[in-house]
C-alpha atoms as a PDB file:
ATOM      1  CA  MET A   1       0.012  -0.008  -0.003  1.00  0.00           C
ATOM      2  CA  GLN A   2       2.852   2.348   0.779  1.00  0.00           C
ATOM      3  CA  ARG A   3       4.436   1.839  -2.643  1.00  0.00           C
ATOM      4  CA  PHE A   4       1.084   2.464  -4.351  1.00  0.00           C
ATOM      5  CA  LEU A   5       0.619   5.776  -2.478  1.00  0.00           C
ATOM      6  CA  ILE A   6       4.155   6.865  -3.394  1.00  0.00           C
ATOM      7  CA  LEU A   7       3.486   5.950  -7.025  1.00  0.00           C
ATOM      8  CA  ILE A   8       0.282   7.941  -7.049  1.00  0.00           C
ATOM      9  CA  GLY A   9       2.094  10.917  -5.517  1.00  0.00           C
ATOM     10  CA  LEU A  10       4.786  10.729  -8.192  1.00  0.00           C
ATOM     11  CA  VAL A  11       2.113  10.604 -10.913  1.00  0.00           C
ATOM     12  CA  PHE A  12       0.501  13.736  -9.483  1.00  0.00           C
ATOM     13  CA  ILE A  13       3.821  15.492  -9.350  1.00  0.00           C
ATOM     14  CA  ALA A  14       4.620  14.535 -12.939  1.00  0.00           C
ATOM     15  CA  ALA A  15       1.181  15.681 -14.108  1.00  0.00           C
ATOM     16  CA  GLY A  16       1.610  18.978 -12.236  1.00  0.00           C
ATOM     17  CA  LEU A  17       5.001  19.620 -13.788  1.00  0.00           C
ATOM     18  CA  SER A  18       3.788  18.740 -17.264  1.00  0.00           C
ATOM     19  CA  TRP A  19       0.504  20.722 -17.011  1.00  0.00           C
ATOM     20  CA  PRO A  20       1.453  23.370 -19.645  1.00  0.00           C
ATOM     21  CA  TRP A  21       1.671  20.558 -22.208  1.00  0.00           C
ATOM     22  CA  LEU A  22      -1.234  18.497 -20.888  1.00  0.00           C
ATOM     23  CA  SER A  23      -3.583  21.475 -20.991  1.00  0.00           C
ATOM     24  CA  ARG A  24      -3.169  21.681 -24.823  1.00  0.00           C
ATOM     25  CA  LEU A  25      -4.662  18.190 -25.243  1.00  0.00           C
ATOM     26  CA  PRO A  26      -8.344  18.168 -26.286  1.00  0.00           C
ATOM     27  CA  PHE A  27      -9.548  16.373 -23.178  1.00  0.00           C
ATOM     28  CA  GLY A  28     -12.716  18.074 -21.945  1.00  0.00           C
ATOM     29  CA  ARG A  29     -13.426  19.487 -25.391  1.00  0.00           C
ATOM     30  CA  LEU A  30     -14.131  16.277 -27.299  1.00  0.00           C
ATOM     31  CA  PRO A  31     -17.247  15.770 -29.458  1.00  0.00           C
ATOM     32  CA  GLY A  32     -19.905  14.380 -27.171  1.00  0.00           C
ATOM     33  CA  ASP A  33     -18.898  16.466 -24.155  1.00  0.00           C
ATOM     34  CA  ILE A  34     -21.908  18.468 -22.897  1.00  0.00           C
ATOM     35  CA  SER A  35     -21.357  22.154 -22.290  1.00  0.00           C
ATOM     36  CA  ILE A  36     -24.200  24.610 -21.601  1.00  0.00           C
ATOM     37  CA  GLU A  37     -23.457  28.291 -21.032  1.00  0.00           C
ATOM     38  CA  ARG A  38     -26.080  30.894 -20.114  1.00  0.00           C
ATOM     39  CA  ASP A  39     -25.790  34.461 -18.857  1.00  0.00           C
ATOM     40  CA  ASP A  40     -25.391  33.508 -15.144  1.00  0.00           C
ATOM     41  CA  PHE A  41     -24.936  29.759 -15.397  1.00  0.00           C
ATOM     42  CA  SER A  42     -22.445  27.358 -17.014  1.00  0.00           C
ATOM     43  CA  PHE A  43     -22.496  23.583 -16.952  1.00  0.00           C
ATOM     44  CA  HIS A  44     -19.876  21.250 -18.349  1.00  0.00           C
ATOM     45  CA  PHE A  45     -20.118  17.475 -18.335  1.00  0.00           C
ATOM     46  CA  PRO A  46     -17.201  15.770 -20.082  1.00  0.00           C
ATOM     47  CA  LEU A  47     -19.075  12.593 -21.122  1.00  0.00           C
ATOM     48  CA  MET A  48     -16.817  11.412 -23.949  1.00  0.00           C
ATOM     49  CA  THR A  49     -13.651  12.357 -22.045  1.00  0.00           C
ATOM     50  CA  GLY A  50     -14.780  10.190 -19.183  1.00  0.00           C
ATOM     51  CA  VAL A  51     -15.574   7.268 -21.482  1.00  0.00           C
ATOM     52  CA  LEU A  52     -12.199   7.566 -23.179  1.00  0.00           C
ATOM     53  CA  LEU A  53     -10.265   7.729 -19.936  1.00  0.00           C
ATOM     54  CA  SER A  54     -12.213   4.769 -18.579  1.00  0.00           C
ATOM     55  CA  LEU A  55     -11.327   2.707 -21.650  1.00  0.00           C
ATOM     56  CA  VAL A  56      -7.665   3.659 -21.444  1.00  0.00           C
ATOM     57  CA  LEU A  57      -7.467   2.918 -17.682  1.00  0.00           C
ATOM     58  CA  THR A  58      -9.298  -0.397 -18.144  1.00  0.00           C
ATOM     59  CA  LEU A  59      -6.837  -1.389 -20.830  1.00  0.00           C
ATOM     60  CA  LEU A  60      -3.781  -0.404 -18.770  1.00  0.00           C
ATOM     61  CA  LEU A  61      -5.031  -2.307 -15.703  1.00  0.00           C
ATOM     62  CA  TRP A  62      -5.862  -5.318 -17.778  1.00  0.00           C
ATOM     63  CA  LEU A  63      -2.394  -5.324 -19.327  1.00  0.00           C
ATOM     64  CA  TRP A  64      -0.833  -4.809 -15.906  1.00  0.00           C
ATOM     65  CA  ARG A  65      -2.558  -7.888 -14.463  1.00  0.00           C
ATOM     66  CA  LYS A  66      -1.082 -10.120 -17.220  1.00  0.00           C
END
């Protein structure tokens, strides 16, 4: 469990340091993401981004088990 937490911490540090490059990726702005903007209200639901990330994580965890 300790190694897992250290690994997660290192992943967060790497993501934080590489944020200028990661923010240029189209995640959150994919076709199928729901975005509603009104005068005093905005709602954003990244549906396709969530599906895509779920598929990638499922594939990575499946490969890691084998």
